């Protein structure tokens, strides 16, 4: 039986870093962990809610807009720094968006004495991020595009990005078939057993009329 491990957790401390930086006593650790989860969920819900309001746009570039790659949380004594790494920060650049988001996040913070500091960082190479590619594939599948064509298009988007290899896997009732199966496509090298190889990974669920499809994307960025 194969023994699998998350590629990101496997490389923590070598090529991957934690996305939360804070210290807490053992009895308060679980509260801090739940607070981080609430902050991340609140930001993602805010993005999704505001994207639905402007869902009349149908350009391909909008299919992966406002996709969060990851959120960094740094806690100090009186301040919580939240850094949102996003592909195309068009929505959060609107007037009053940050202030509205801060009000929503303040409700999720346990301590009233701690103030929030939100910063937005645009990802330099958006199509180098697996989350953005997964959102692009989800957009294509919801528009009834063939899953093979969607995977090939996603790989074509990575040609301009500086990567050494990519693998995309889709599992579920593909093309509406009764029996679920998994299909994958790969290009370049992907040394998953090498710890010094920096690999970005994401697992993304897609809800379709035939059921839920699971998309997994591995991207081999570089080797230290």
N, C-alpha and C. Protein backbone atom coordinates (compact mmCIF):
# COMPACT_ATOMS: atom_id res chain seq x y z
N UNK A 1 0.84 -1.20 0.00
CA UNK A 1 0.00 0.00 0.00
C UNK A 1 0.87 1.24 0.00
N UNK A 2 0.56 2.19 -0.85
CA UNK A 2 1.35 3.40 -0.94
C UNK A 2 1.16 4.29 0.28
N UNK A 3 2.23 4.92 0.72
CA UNK A 3 2.17 5.84 1.86
C UNK A 3 2.42 7.24 1.34
N UNK A 4 1.39 8.07 1.39
CA UNK A 4 1.46 9.41 0.82
C UNK A 4 1.66 10.43 1.93
N UNK A 5 2.26 11.54 1.58
CA UNK A 5 2.46 12.64 2.52
C UNK A 5 2.28 13.95 1.75
N UNK A 6 1.78 14.95 2.43
CA UNK A 6 1.59 16.25 1.81
C UNK A 6 2.94 16.84 1.42
N UNK A 7 3.14 17.24 0.17
CA UNK A 7 4.44 17.76 -0.27
C UNK A 7 4.88 19.01 0.48
N UNK A 8 3.92 19.82 0.96
CA UNK A 8 4.28 21.03 1.69
C UNK A 8 4.74 20.71 3.11
N UNK A 9 3.99 19.85 3.80
CA UNK A 9 4.39 19.46 5.16
C UNK A 9 5.68 18.67 5.17
N UNK A 10 5.94 17.92 4.12
CA UNK A 10 7.16 17.13 4.00
C UNK A 10 8.41 18.01 3.94
N UNK A 11 8.25 19.25 3.46
CA UNK A 11 9.40 20.13 3.23
C UNK A 11 9.45 21.32 4.18
N UNK A 12 8.67 21.26 5.26
CA UNK A 12 8.69 22.36 6.23
C UNK A 12 10.08 22.46 6.87
N UNK A 13 10.61 23.67 6.90
CA UNK A 13 11.94 23.89 7.47
C UNK A 13 13.06 23.82 6.46
N UNK A 14 12.77 23.35 5.25
CA UNK A 14 13.81 23.29 4.21
C UNK A 14 13.47 24.28 3.09
N UNK A 15 12.47 23.96 2.29
CA UNK A 15 12.07 24.87 1.21
C UNK A 15 10.72 25.52 1.48
N UNK A 16 9.98 25.04 2.47
CA UNK A 16 8.67 25.60 2.81
C UNK A 16 8.71 26.19 4.22
N UNK A 17 7.98 27.28 4.41
CA UNK A 17 7.88 27.92 5.72
C UNK A 17 6.43 27.91 6.19
N UNK A 18 6.25 28.10 7.50
CA UNK A 18 4.91 28.20 8.06
C UNK A 18 4.25 29.50 7.61
N UNK A 19 2.94 29.50 7.54
CA UNK A 19 2.19 30.69 7.17
C UNK A 19 1.65 31.44 8.38
N UNK A 20 1.92 30.92 9.58
CA UNK A 20 1.55 31.60 10.82
C UNK A 20 2.79 31.74 11.69
N UNK A 21 3.00 32.96 12.22
CA UNK A 21 4.17 33.23 13.05
C UNK A 21 3.69 33.88 14.35
N UNK A 22 3.65 33.11 15.42
CA UNK A 22 3.27 33.63 16.74
C UNK A 22 3.62 32.61 17.81
N UNK A 23 3.62 33.08 19.06
CA UNK A 23 3.94 32.23 20.20
C UNK A 23 2.78 32.28 21.18
N UNK A 24 2.47 31.14 21.77
CA UNK A 24 1.40 31.07 22.77
C UNK A 24 1.73 29.98 23.78
N UNK A 25 1.22 30.14 24.97
CA UNK A 25 1.35 29.10 26.00
C UNK A 25 0.55 27.87 25.58
N UNK A 26 0.95 26.69 26.05
CA UNK A 26 0.25 25.46 25.63
C UNK A 26 -1.26 25.49 25.85
N UNK A 27 -1.70 26.13 26.95
CA UNK A 27 -3.15 26.14 27.24
C UNK A 27 -3.91 27.09 26.29
N UNK A 28 -3.19 28.05 25.67
CA UNK A 28 -3.83 29.01 24.75
C UNK A 28 -3.56 28.70 23.29
N UNK A 29 -2.83 27.61 23.03
CA UNK A 29 -2.43 27.31 21.65
C UNK A 29 -3.64 27.01 20.76
N UNK A 30 -4.59 26.22 21.27
CA UNK A 30 -5.75 25.84 20.46
C UNK A 30 -6.60 27.06 20.10
N UNK A 31 -6.70 28.04 21.03
CA UNK A 31 -7.46 29.25 20.74
C UNK A 31 -6.82 30.06 19.62
N UNK A 32 -5.48 30.16 19.66
CA UNK A 32 -4.77 30.88 18.59
C UNK A 32 -4.91 30.21 17.24
N UNK A 33 -4.92 28.87 17.26
CA UNK A 33 -5.07 28.11 16.02
C UNK A 33 -6.46 28.31 15.42
N UNK A 34 -7.48 28.28 16.27
CA UNK A 34 -8.85 28.49 15.79
C UNK A 34 -9.05 29.93 15.30
N UNK A 35 -8.37 30.87 15.94
CA UNK A 35 -8.46 32.26 15.52
C UNK A 35 -7.86 32.44 14.13
N UNK A 36 -6.73 31.79 13.86
CA UNK A 36 -6.12 31.84 12.53
C UNK A 36 -7.06 31.29 11.47
N UNK A 37 -7.72 30.18 11.80
CA UNK A 37 -8.64 29.56 10.84
C UNK A 37 -9.82 30.48 10.56
N UNK A 38 -10.34 31.15 11.59
CA UNK A 38 -11.46 32.07 11.41
C UNK A 38 -11.06 33.26 10.54
N UNK A 39 -9.84 33.77 10.75
CA UNK A 39 -9.35 34.91 9.95
C UNK A 39 -9.25 34.52 8.49
N UNK A 40 -8.67 33.35 8.21
CA UNK A 40 -8.51 32.90 6.82
C UNK A 40 -9.87 32.65 6.17
N UNK A 41 -10.78 32.02 6.89
CA UNK A 41 -12.11 31.75 6.33
C UNK A 41 -12.88 33.05 6.08
N UNK A 42 -12.71 34.02 6.96
CA UNK A 42 -13.40 35.30 6.81
C UNK A 42 -12.92 36.03 5.55
N UNK A 43 -11.62 36.00 5.31
CA UNK A 43 -11.06 36.66 4.12
C UNK A 43 -11.54 35.97 2.85
N UNK A 44 -11.52 34.64 2.84
CA UNK A 44 -11.94 33.90 1.65
C UNK A 44 -13.44 34.09 1.38
N UNK A 45 -14.25 34.13 2.44
CA UNK A 45 -15.68 34.35 2.27
C UNK A 45 -15.96 35.75 1.74
N UNK A 46 -15.18 36.73 2.21
CA UNK A 46 -15.35 38.10 1.73
C UNK A 46 -15.04 38.20 0.24
N UNK A 47 -13.97 37.53 -0.19
CA UNK A 47 -13.60 37.54 -1.61
C UNK A 47 -14.69 36.89 -2.46
N UNK A 48 -15.17 35.72 -2.02
CA UNK A 48 -16.20 35.00 -2.79
C UNK A 48 -17.51 35.78 -2.85
N UNK A 49 -17.88 36.42 -1.74
CA UNK A 49 -19.14 37.17 -1.69
C UNK A 49 -19.11 38.34 -2.66
N UNK A 50 -17.97 39.04 -2.71
CA UNK A 50 -17.87 40.21 -3.58
C UNK A 50 -17.63 39.84 -5.03
N UNK A 51 -17.09 38.64 -5.27
CA UNK A 51 -16.92 38.18 -6.65
C UNK A 51 -18.26 37.85 -7.29
N UNK A 52 -19.19 37.33 -6.48
CA UNK A 52 -20.51 36.98 -7.01
C UNK A 52 -21.28 38.22 -7.43
N UNK A 53 -21.00 39.35 -6.75
CA UNK A 53 -21.69 40.59 -7.10
C UNK A 53 -21.28 41.07 -8.50
N UNK A 54 -20.03 40.81 -8.86
CA UNK A 54 -19.57 41.22 -10.19
C UNK A 54 -19.34 40.05 -11.11
N UNK A 55 -20.22 39.04 -11.01
CA UNK A 55 -20.05 37.82 -11.80
C UNK A 55 -20.51 37.95 -13.24
N UNK A 56 -20.91 39.17 -13.67
CA UNK A 56 -21.34 39.32 -15.05
C UNK A 56 -20.18 39.39 -16.01
N UNK A 57 -18.94 39.44 -15.50
CA UNK A 57 -17.78 39.45 -16.39
C UNK A 57 -17.50 38.02 -16.84
N UNK A 58 -17.18 37.86 -18.14
CA UNK A 58 -16.99 36.51 -18.66
C UNK A 58 -15.67 36.35 -19.40
N UNK A 59 -14.73 37.18 -19.11
CA UNK A 59 -13.42 37.04 -19.75
C UNK A 59 -12.64 35.94 -19.05
N UNK A 60 -11.74 35.30 -19.79
CA UNK A 60 -10.94 34.23 -19.21
C UNK A 60 -10.03 34.74 -18.13
N UNK A 61 -9.57 35.97 -18.24
CA UNK A 61 -8.68 36.52 -17.24
C UNK A 61 -9.38 36.68 -15.90
N UNK A 62 -10.72 36.81 -15.90
CA UNK A 62 -11.46 36.94 -14.67
C UNK A 62 -11.70 35.61 -13.99
N UNK A 63 -11.47 34.50 -14.71
CA UNK A 63 -11.72 33.19 -14.12
C UNK A 63 -10.79 32.91 -12.97
N UNK A 64 -9.61 33.51 -12.95
CA UNK A 64 -8.66 33.27 -11.88
C UNK A 64 -8.35 34.54 -11.11
N UNK A 65 -9.22 35.56 -11.27
CA UNK A 65 -8.98 36.82 -10.58
C UNK A 65 -9.35 36.68 -9.10
N UNK A 66 -8.69 37.49 -8.27
CA UNK A 66 -8.92 37.50 -6.83
C UNK A 66 -8.78 36.11 -6.20
N UNK A 67 -7.86 35.31 -6.68
CA UNK A 67 -7.59 34.01 -6.08
C UNK A 67 -6.45 34.17 -5.08
N UNK A 68 -6.69 33.78 -3.84
CA UNK A 68 -5.69 33.90 -2.79
C UNK A 68 -4.77 32.70 -2.84
N UNK A 69 -3.47 32.95 -2.97
CA UNK A 69 -2.51 31.85 -2.95
C UNK A 69 -2.24 31.38 -1.53
N UNK A 70 -1.98 32.31 -0.61
CA UNK A 70 -1.86 31.98 0.80
C UNK A 70 -1.96 33.25 1.64
N UNK A 71 -2.23 33.07 2.93
CA UNK A 71 -2.39 34.17 3.87
C UNK A 71 -1.40 33.99 5.01
N UNK A 72 -0.57 34.99 5.24
CA UNK A 72 0.38 34.97 6.35
C UNK A 72 -0.19 35.75 7.52
N UNK A 73 -0.06 35.18 8.71
CA UNK A 73 -0.54 35.82 9.93
C UNK A 73 0.62 35.93 10.91
N UNK A 74 0.95 37.15 11.30
CA UNK A 74 2.02 37.41 12.26
C UNK A 74 1.42 38.16 13.45
N UNK A 75 1.53 37.55 14.63
CA UNK A 75 0.91 38.13 15.82
C UNK A 75 1.96 38.73 16.74
N UNK A 76 1.69 39.95 17.18
CA UNK A 76 2.50 40.62 18.19
C UNK A 76 1.64 40.84 19.42
N UNK A 77 2.17 41.58 20.40
CA UNK A 77 1.44 41.77 21.66
C UNK A 77 0.14 42.53 21.42
N UNK A 78 0.20 43.60 20.65
CA UNK A 78 -0.98 44.43 20.45
C UNK A 78 -1.42 44.53 18.98
N UNK A 79 -0.76 43.80 18.09
CA UNK A 79 -1.07 43.91 16.66
C UNK A 79 -1.08 42.53 16.00
N UNK A 80 -2.01 42.36 15.09
CA UNK A 80 -2.05 41.16 14.26
C UNK A 80 -1.82 41.60 12.81
N UNK A 81 -0.72 41.17 12.23
CA UNK A 81 -0.39 41.51 10.85
C UNK A 81 -0.93 40.40 9.94
N UNK A 82 -1.76 40.76 8.99
CA UNK A 82 -2.32 39.81 8.03
C UNK A 82 -1.84 40.22 6.64
N UNK A 83 -1.08 39.34 6.00
CA UNK A 83 -0.56 39.60 4.66
C UNK A 83 -1.27 38.66 3.69
N UNK A 84 -2.02 39.22 2.75
CA UNK A 84 -2.79 38.44 1.78
C UNK A 84 -2.02 38.40 0.47
N UNK A 85 -1.57 37.21 0.08
CA UNK A 85 -0.89 37.03 -1.19
C UNK A 85 -1.95 36.61 -2.22
N UNK A 86 -2.14 37.45 -3.22
CA UNK A 86 -3.24 37.26 -4.16
C UNK A 86 -2.73 37.43 -5.59
N UNK A 87 -3.38 36.74 -6.52
CA UNK A 87 -2.94 36.77 -7.91
C UNK A 87 -3.22 38.09 -8.59
N UNK A 88 -4.49 38.50 -8.60
CA UNK A 88 -4.90 39.74 -9.26
C UNK A 88 -5.75 40.54 -8.27
N UNK A 89 -5.14 41.44 -7.49
CA UNK A 89 -5.88 42.12 -6.40
C UNK A 89 -6.74 43.28 -6.88
N UNK A 90 -7.60 43.03 -7.88
CA UNK A 90 -8.46 44.11 -8.38
C UNK A 90 -9.56 44.45 -7.39
N UNK A 91 -10.12 43.42 -6.75
CA UNK A 91 -11.25 43.63 -5.85
C UNK A 91 -10.83 44.36 -4.58
N UNK A 92 -9.68 43.96 -4.00
CA UNK A 92 -9.24 44.55 -2.75
C UNK A 92 -8.66 45.95 -2.91
N UNK A 93 -8.44 46.38 -4.17
CA UNK A 93 -7.93 47.73 -4.41
C UNK A 93 -9.05 48.76 -4.49
N UNK A 94 -10.29 48.29 -4.47
CA UNK A 94 -11.41 49.23 -4.54
C UNK A 94 -11.49 50.05 -3.26
N UNK A 95 -12.04 51.24 -3.38
CA UNK A 95 -12.11 52.16 -2.25
C UNK A 95 -13.03 51.60 -1.16
N UNK A 96 -12.50 51.53 0.05
CA UNK A 96 -13.27 51.05 1.19
C UNK A 96 -13.26 49.55 1.38
N UNK A 97 -12.61 48.80 0.48
CA UNK A 97 -12.61 47.33 0.59
C UNK A 97 -11.81 46.86 1.79
N UNK A 98 -10.63 47.48 2.00
CA UNK A 98 -9.78 47.07 3.12
C UNK A 98 -10.44 47.41 4.46
N UNK A 99 -11.06 48.60 4.55
CA UNK A 99 -11.73 49.00 5.78
C UNK A 99 -12.89 48.07 6.11
N UNK A 100 -13.64 47.68 5.08
CA UNK A 100 -14.76 46.76 5.30
C UNK A 100 -14.26 45.39 5.74
N UNK A 101 -13.17 44.95 5.15
CA UNK A 101 -12.59 43.66 5.53
C UNK A 101 -12.05 43.70 6.95
N UNK A 102 -11.45 44.81 7.35
CA UNK A 102 -10.94 44.94 8.72
C UNK A 102 -12.06 44.85 9.75
N UNK A 103 -13.22 45.43 9.45
CA UNK A 103 -14.36 45.36 10.37
C UNK A 103 -14.83 43.92 10.53
N UNK A 104 -14.85 43.17 9.41
CA UNK A 104 -15.27 41.77 9.47
C UNK A 104 -14.27 40.93 10.26
N UNK A 105 -12.99 41.22 10.07
CA UNK A 105 -11.96 40.44 10.77
C UNK A 105 -11.90 40.77 12.25
N UNK A 106 -12.20 42.01 12.61
CA UNK A 106 -12.15 42.40 14.01
C UNK A 106 -13.16 41.62 14.84
N UNK A 107 -14.25 41.21 14.21
CA UNK A 107 -15.25 40.40 14.91
C UNK A 107 -14.73 39.00 15.22
N UNK A 108 -13.79 38.52 14.38
CA UNK A 108 -13.25 37.17 14.56
C UNK A 108 -12.09 37.12 15.56
N UNK A 109 -11.51 38.28 15.86
CA UNK A 109 -10.36 38.32 16.78
C UNK A 109 -10.88 38.26 18.21
N UNK A 110 -10.24 37.40 19.01
CA UNK A 110 -10.71 37.20 20.39
C UNK A 110 -10.47 38.43 21.26
N UNK A 111 -9.29 39.03 21.15
CA UNK A 111 -8.93 40.16 22.00
C UNK A 111 -9.33 41.48 21.35
N UNK A 112 -9.96 42.34 22.14
CA UNK A 112 -10.36 43.66 21.63
C UNK A 112 -9.17 44.60 21.58
N UNK A 113 -8.17 44.35 22.45
CA UNK A 113 -7.01 45.23 22.54
C UNK A 113 -6.07 45.11 21.34
N UNK A 114 -6.18 44.03 20.59
CA UNK A 114 -5.31 43.83 19.43
C UNK A 114 -5.91 44.50 18.19
N UNK A 115 -5.08 45.27 17.51
CA UNK A 115 -5.54 45.90 16.28
C UNK A 115 -5.04 45.13 15.07
N UNK A 116 -5.74 45.26 13.98
CA UNK A 116 -5.42 44.52 12.75
C UNK A 116 -4.68 45.41 11.77
N UNK A 117 -3.71 44.81 11.11
CA UNK A 117 -2.97 45.50 10.06
C UNK A 117 -2.97 44.60 8.82
N UNK A 118 -3.74 44.99 7.81
CA UNK A 118 -3.90 44.17 6.61
C UNK A 118 -3.04 44.73 5.49
N UNK A 119 -2.28 43.86 4.85
CA UNK A 119 -1.44 44.24 3.72
C UNK A 119 -1.74 43.30 2.55
N UNK A 120 -1.71 43.85 1.35
CA UNK A 120 -1.97 43.09 0.13
C UNK A 120 -0.68 42.99 -0.67
N UNK A 121 -0.31 41.78 -1.04
CA UNK A 121 0.88 41.56 -1.87
C UNK A 121 0.48 40.80 -3.13
N UNK A 122 0.78 41.39 -4.27
CA UNK A 122 0.46 40.74 -5.54
C UNK A 122 1.54 39.71 -5.88
N UNK A 123 1.11 38.55 -6.30
CA UNK A 123 2.04 37.50 -6.71
C UNK A 123 2.69 37.89 -8.03
N UNK A 124 4.00 37.77 -8.10
CA UNK A 124 4.72 38.22 -9.30
C UNK A 124 4.35 37.39 -10.53
N UNK A 125 4.33 36.08 -10.37
CA UNK A 125 3.99 35.18 -11.48
C UNK A 125 2.73 34.40 -11.10
N UNK A 126 1.56 34.91 -11.43
CA UNK A 126 0.32 34.27 -10.97
C UNK A 126 0.16 32.83 -11.45
N UNK A 127 0.52 32.57 -12.70
CA UNK A 127 0.30 31.22 -13.24
C UNK A 127 1.41 30.25 -12.84
N UNK A 128 2.20 30.67 -11.85
CA UNK A 128 3.16 29.76 -11.23
C UNK A 128 2.57 29.16 -9.94
N UNK A 129 1.40 29.67 -9.55
CA UNK A 129 0.75 29.24 -8.31
C UNK A 129 -0.31 28.16 -8.61
N UNK A 130 -0.27 27.03 -7.91
CA UNK A 130 -1.23 25.95 -8.19
C UNK A 130 -2.68 26.33 -7.88
N UNK A 131 -2.91 27.20 -6.87
CA UNK A 131 -4.28 27.60 -6.53
C UNK A 131 -4.95 28.34 -7.68
N UNK A 132 -4.18 29.20 -8.36
CA UNK A 132 -4.72 29.97 -9.47
C UNK A 132 -5.02 29.06 -10.66
N UNK A 133 -4.15 28.11 -10.91
CA UNK A 133 -4.39 27.16 -12.00
C UNK A 133 -5.60 26.28 -11.70
N UNK A 134 -5.76 25.88 -10.43
CA UNK A 134 -6.91 25.07 -10.06
C UNK A 134 -8.22 25.85 -10.24
N UNK A 135 -8.20 27.13 -9.90
CA UNK A 135 -9.39 27.97 -10.10
C UNK A 135 -9.69 28.13 -11.59
N UNK A 136 -8.64 28.22 -12.40
CA UNK A 136 -8.83 28.32 -13.85
C UNK A 136 -9.47 27.05 -14.40
N UNK A 137 -9.00 25.89 -13.94
CA UNK A 137 -9.57 24.61 -14.39
C UNK A 137 -11.02 24.50 -13.95
N UNK A 138 -11.32 24.94 -12.72
CA UNK A 138 -12.69 24.90 -12.22
C UNK A 138 -13.60 25.77 -13.08
N UNK A 139 -13.12 26.94 -13.47
CA UNK A 139 -13.90 27.84 -14.33
C UNK A 139 -14.20 27.19 -15.68
N UNK A 140 -13.19 26.49 -16.24
CA UNK A 140 -13.39 25.83 -17.53
C UNK A 140 -14.38 24.67 -17.43
N UNK A 141 -14.27 23.87 -16.37
CA UNK A 141 -15.16 22.71 -16.23
C UNK A 141 -16.60 23.14 -15.99
N UNK A 142 -16.80 24.23 -15.24
CA UNK A 142 -18.16 24.71 -15.00
C UNK A 142 -18.79 25.25 -16.27
N UNK A 143 -17.96 25.64 -17.24
CA UNK A 143 -18.46 26.10 -18.54
C UNK A 143 -18.50 24.97 -19.57
N UNK A 144 -18.52 23.73 -19.08
CA UNK A 144 -18.68 22.52 -19.91
C UNK A 144 -17.52 22.30 -20.88
N UNK A 145 -16.33 22.77 -20.54
CA UNK A 145 -15.16 22.48 -21.35
C UNK A 145 -14.65 21.08 -20.98
N UNK A 146 -14.14 20.35 -21.95
CA UNK A 146 -13.59 19.02 -21.68
C UNK A 146 -12.46 19.09 -20.66
N UNK A 147 -12.43 18.11 -19.75
CA UNK A 147 -11.43 18.15 -18.68
C UNK A 147 -10.00 18.02 -19.23
N UNK A 148 -9.82 17.25 -20.31
CA UNK A 148 -8.48 17.13 -20.91
C UNK A 148 -8.05 18.46 -21.52
N UNK A 149 -8.97 19.13 -22.19
CA UNK A 149 -8.66 20.42 -22.78
C UNK A 149 -8.35 21.45 -21.69
N UNK A 150 -9.09 21.39 -20.57
CA UNK A 150 -8.85 22.32 -19.47
C UNK A 150 -7.47 22.10 -18.86
N UNK A 151 -7.06 20.84 -18.71
CA UNK A 151 -5.74 20.56 -18.14
C UNK A 151 -4.63 21.02 -19.08
N UNK A 152 -4.82 20.80 -20.39
CA UNK A 152 -3.80 21.23 -21.36
C UNK A 152 -3.69 22.75 -21.41
N UNK A 153 -4.82 23.44 -21.31
CA UNK A 153 -4.80 24.91 -21.30
C UNK A 153 -4.07 25.43 -20.06
N UNK A 154 -4.29 24.77 -18.93
CA UNK A 154 -3.63 25.20 -17.69
C UNK A 154 -2.11 25.03 -17.80
N UNK A 155 -1.68 23.96 -18.45
CA UNK A 155 -0.24 23.75 -18.63
C UNK A 155 0.33 24.78 -19.60
N UNK A 156 -0.45 25.16 -20.60
CA UNK A 156 0.01 26.18 -21.54
C UNK A 156 0.22 27.53 -20.84
N UNK A 157 -0.59 27.82 -19.82
CA UNK A 157 -0.44 29.08 -19.08
C UNK A 157 0.89 29.14 -18.31
N UNK A 158 1.44 27.97 -17.99
CA UNK A 158 2.69 27.94 -17.21
C UNK A 158 3.93 28.05 -18.10
N UNK A 159 3.77 28.15 -19.41
CA UNK A 159 4.94 28.22 -20.29
C UNK A 159 5.77 29.47 -20.04
N UNK A 160 5.09 30.60 -19.77
CA UNK A 160 5.82 31.84 -19.52
C UNK A 160 6.41 31.88 -18.12
N UNK A 161 5.85 31.10 -17.19
CA UNK A 161 6.38 31.06 -15.83
C UNK A 161 7.63 30.20 -15.78
N UNK A 162 8.51 30.52 -14.86
CA UNK A 162 9.78 29.82 -14.73
C UNK A 162 9.62 28.61 -13.83
N UNK A 163 9.14 27.50 -14.40
CA UNK A 163 8.98 26.26 -13.64
C UNK A 163 9.70 25.13 -14.38
N UNK A 164 9.99 24.06 -13.64
CA UNK A 164 10.71 22.92 -14.22
C UNK A 164 9.82 21.71 -14.48
N UNK A 165 8.65 21.70 -13.88
CA UNK A 165 7.75 20.57 -14.10
C UNK A 165 6.39 20.81 -13.46
N UNK A 166 5.37 20.14 -13.98
CA UNK A 166 4.02 20.28 -13.46
C UNK A 166 3.25 18.99 -13.68
N UNK A 167 2.37 18.69 -12.72
CA UNK A 167 1.49 17.53 -12.84
C UNK A 167 0.10 17.94 -12.36
N UNK A 168 -0.91 17.62 -13.17
CA UNK A 168 -2.30 17.93 -12.84
C UNK A 168 -3.09 16.64 -12.84
N UNK A 169 -3.86 16.42 -11.78
CA UNK A 169 -4.69 15.22 -11.67
C UNK A 169 -6.12 15.62 -11.33
N UNK A 170 -7.06 15.06 -12.05
CA UNK A 170 -8.49 15.29 -11.79
C UNK A 170 -9.13 13.93 -11.54
N UNK A 171 -9.90 13.84 -10.45
CA UNK A 171 -10.56 12.58 -10.08
C UNK A 171 -12.03 12.83 -9.82
N UNK A 172 -12.86 11.84 -10.17
CA UNK A 172 -14.30 11.94 -9.96
C UNK A 172 -15.07 11.42 -11.17
N UNK A 173 -16.31 11.82 -11.28
CA UNK A 173 -17.16 11.39 -12.42
C UNK A 173 -16.84 12.30 -13.61
N UNK A 174 -15.75 12.01 -14.26
CA UNK A 174 -15.29 12.84 -15.37
C UNK A 174 -16.21 12.66 -16.57
N UNK A 175 -16.58 13.78 -17.20
CA UNK A 175 -17.47 13.81 -18.36
C UNK A 175 -18.82 13.17 -18.07
N UNK A 176 -19.21 13.13 -16.79
CA UNK A 176 -20.52 12.59 -16.42
C UNK A 176 -20.62 11.08 -16.41
N UNK A 177 -19.49 10.38 -16.46
CA UNK A 177 -19.52 8.90 -16.44
C UNK A 177 -20.00 8.40 -15.09
N UNK A 178 -20.61 7.23 -15.09
CA UNK A 178 -21.16 6.68 -13.85
C UNK A 178 -20.05 6.19 -12.92
N UNK A 179 -18.98 5.69 -13.49
CA UNK A 179 -17.87 5.18 -12.68
C UNK A 179 -16.80 6.27 -12.56
N UNK A 180 -16.43 6.59 -11.34
CA UNK A 180 -15.42 7.62 -11.11
C UNK A 180 -14.04 7.08 -11.45
N UNK A 181 -13.19 7.96 -11.92
CA UNK A 181 -11.82 7.58 -12.24
C UNK A 181 -10.92 8.80 -12.09
N UNK A 182 -9.64 8.57 -12.23
CA UNK A 182 -8.66 9.67 -12.11
C UNK A 182 -7.87 9.77 -13.40
N UNK A 183 -7.67 10.98 -13.88
CA UNK A 183 -6.87 11.24 -15.07
C UNK A 183 -5.81 12.29 -14.71
N UNK A 184 -4.62 12.10 -15.23
CA UNK A 184 -3.56 13.07 -14.92
C UNK A 184 -2.75 13.37 -16.19
N UNK A 185 -2.10 14.52 -16.16
CA UNK A 185 -1.23 14.94 -17.24
C UNK A 185 0.01 15.56 -16.61
N UNK A 186 1.16 15.27 -17.20
CA UNK A 186 2.42 15.69 -16.59
C UNK A 186 3.35 16.25 -17.65
N UNK A 187 4.13 17.25 -17.25
CA UNK A 187 5.11 17.84 -18.15
C UNK A 187 6.34 18.24 -17.33
N UNK A 188 7.51 17.82 -17.78
CA UNK A 188 8.75 18.16 -17.09
C UNK A 188 9.05 17.22 -15.93
N UNK A 189 9.99 17.63 -15.09
CA UNK A 189 10.43 16.81 -13.94
C UNK A 189 9.57 17.12 -12.72
N UNK A 190 9.43 16.11 -11.84
CA UNK A 190 8.68 16.29 -10.60
C UNK A 190 9.27 15.37 -9.52
N UNK A 191 10.40 15.74 -8.91
CA UNK A 191 11.05 14.88 -7.90
C UNK A 191 10.38 15.02 -6.53
N UNK A 192 9.31 14.26 -6.30
CA UNK A 192 8.55 14.39 -5.06
C UNK A 192 9.30 13.85 -3.84
N UNK A 193 10.26 12.95 -4.05
CA UNK A 193 10.98 12.36 -2.92
C UNK A 193 12.21 13.18 -2.52
N UNK A 194 12.53 14.20 -3.29
CA UNK A 194 13.69 15.03 -2.98
C UNK A 194 13.26 16.20 -2.10
N UNK A 195 13.78 16.27 -0.89
CA UNK A 195 13.34 17.29 0.06
C UNK A 195 13.82 18.67 -0.36
N UNK A 196 14.99 18.77 -0.97
CA UNK A 196 15.51 20.09 -1.36
C UNK A 196 14.82 20.66 -2.60
N UNK A 197 13.96 19.87 -3.24
CA UNK A 197 13.20 20.36 -4.39
C UNK A 197 12.00 21.16 -3.89
N UNK A 198 11.88 22.40 -4.32
CA UNK A 198 10.76 23.25 -3.91
C UNK A 198 9.56 22.94 -4.79
N UNK A 199 8.53 22.39 -4.16
CA UNK A 199 7.33 21.98 -4.89
C UNK A 199 6.12 22.66 -4.26
N UNK A 200 5.34 23.33 -5.09
CA UNK A 200 4.08 23.92 -4.66
C UNK A 200 2.95 22.93 -4.97
N UNK A 201 2.00 22.84 -4.05
CA UNK A 201 0.95 21.82 -4.17
C UNK A 201 -0.37 22.40 -3.69
N UNK A 202 -1.45 21.96 -4.31
CA UNK A 202 -2.78 22.33 -3.82
C UNK A 202 -3.77 21.23 -4.17
N UNK A 203 -4.79 21.11 -3.33
CA UNK A 203 -5.90 20.18 -3.55
C UNK A 203 -7.17 21.02 -3.56
N UNK A 204 -7.91 20.96 -4.65
CA UNK A 204 -9.03 21.90 -4.87
C UNK A 204 -10.28 21.13 -5.28
N UNK A 205 -11.40 21.24 -4.53
CA UNK A 205 -12.64 20.58 -4.93
C UNK A 205 -13.46 21.45 -5.88
N UNK A 206 -14.08 20.80 -6.86
CA UNK A 206 -14.93 21.50 -7.84
C UNK A 206 -16.31 20.86 -7.82
N UNK A 207 -17.33 21.68 -7.58
CA UNK A 207 -18.70 21.18 -7.56
C UNK A 207 -19.32 21.32 -8.96
N UNK A 208 -19.70 20.20 -9.54
CA UNK A 208 -20.33 20.20 -10.86
C UNK A 208 -21.71 19.53 -10.75
N UNK A 209 -22.43 19.53 -11.87
CA UNK A 209 -23.76 18.92 -11.85
C UNK A 209 -23.68 17.39 -11.71
N UNK A 210 -22.51 16.81 -12.00
CA UNK A 210 -22.34 15.36 -11.88
C UNK A 210 -21.79 14.95 -10.51
N UNK A 211 -21.41 15.90 -9.70
CA UNK A 211 -20.82 15.60 -8.40
C UNK A 211 -19.57 16.43 -8.18
N UNK A 212 -18.84 16.08 -7.15
CA UNK A 212 -17.64 16.83 -6.79
C UNK A 212 -16.42 16.19 -7.46
N UNK A 213 -15.63 17.02 -8.13
CA UNK A 213 -14.37 16.58 -8.72
C UNK A 213 -13.23 17.11 -7.86
N UNK A 214 -12.19 16.32 -7.73
CA UNK A 214 -11.01 16.73 -6.98
C UNK A 214 -9.85 17.02 -7.92
N UNK A 215 -9.26 18.20 -7.78
CA UNK A 215 -8.10 18.58 -8.61
C UNK A 215 -6.87 18.69 -7.72
N UNK A 216 -5.82 18.03 -8.13
CA UNK A 216 -4.53 18.13 -7.43
C UNK A 216 -3.48 18.63 -8.42
N UNK A 217 -2.69 19.59 -7.97
CA UNK A 217 -1.67 20.18 -8.84
C UNK A 217 -0.35 20.22 -8.10
N UNK A 218 0.68 19.67 -8.72
CA UNK A 218 2.05 19.76 -8.23
C UNK A 218 2.87 20.60 -9.21
N UNK A 219 3.64 21.55 -8.69
CA UNK A 219 4.51 22.38 -9.53
C UNK A 219 5.92 22.35 -8.97
N UNK A 220 6.85 21.91 -9.77
CA UNK A 220 8.27 21.89 -9.39
C UNK A 220 8.89 23.22 -9.79
N UNK A 221 9.19 24.03 -8.78
CA UNK A 221 9.66 25.39 -9.03
C UNK A 221 11.16 25.41 -9.27
N UNK A 222 11.93 24.96 -8.28
CA UNK A 222 13.39 24.99 -8.38
C UNK A 222 13.96 23.99 -7.39
N UNK A 223 15.28 23.80 -7.46
CA UNK A 223 15.98 22.87 -6.57
C UNK A 223 17.13 23.60 -5.92
N UNK A 224 17.15 23.54 -4.58
CA UNK A 224 18.20 24.25 -3.85
C UNK A 224 19.47 23.41 -3.77
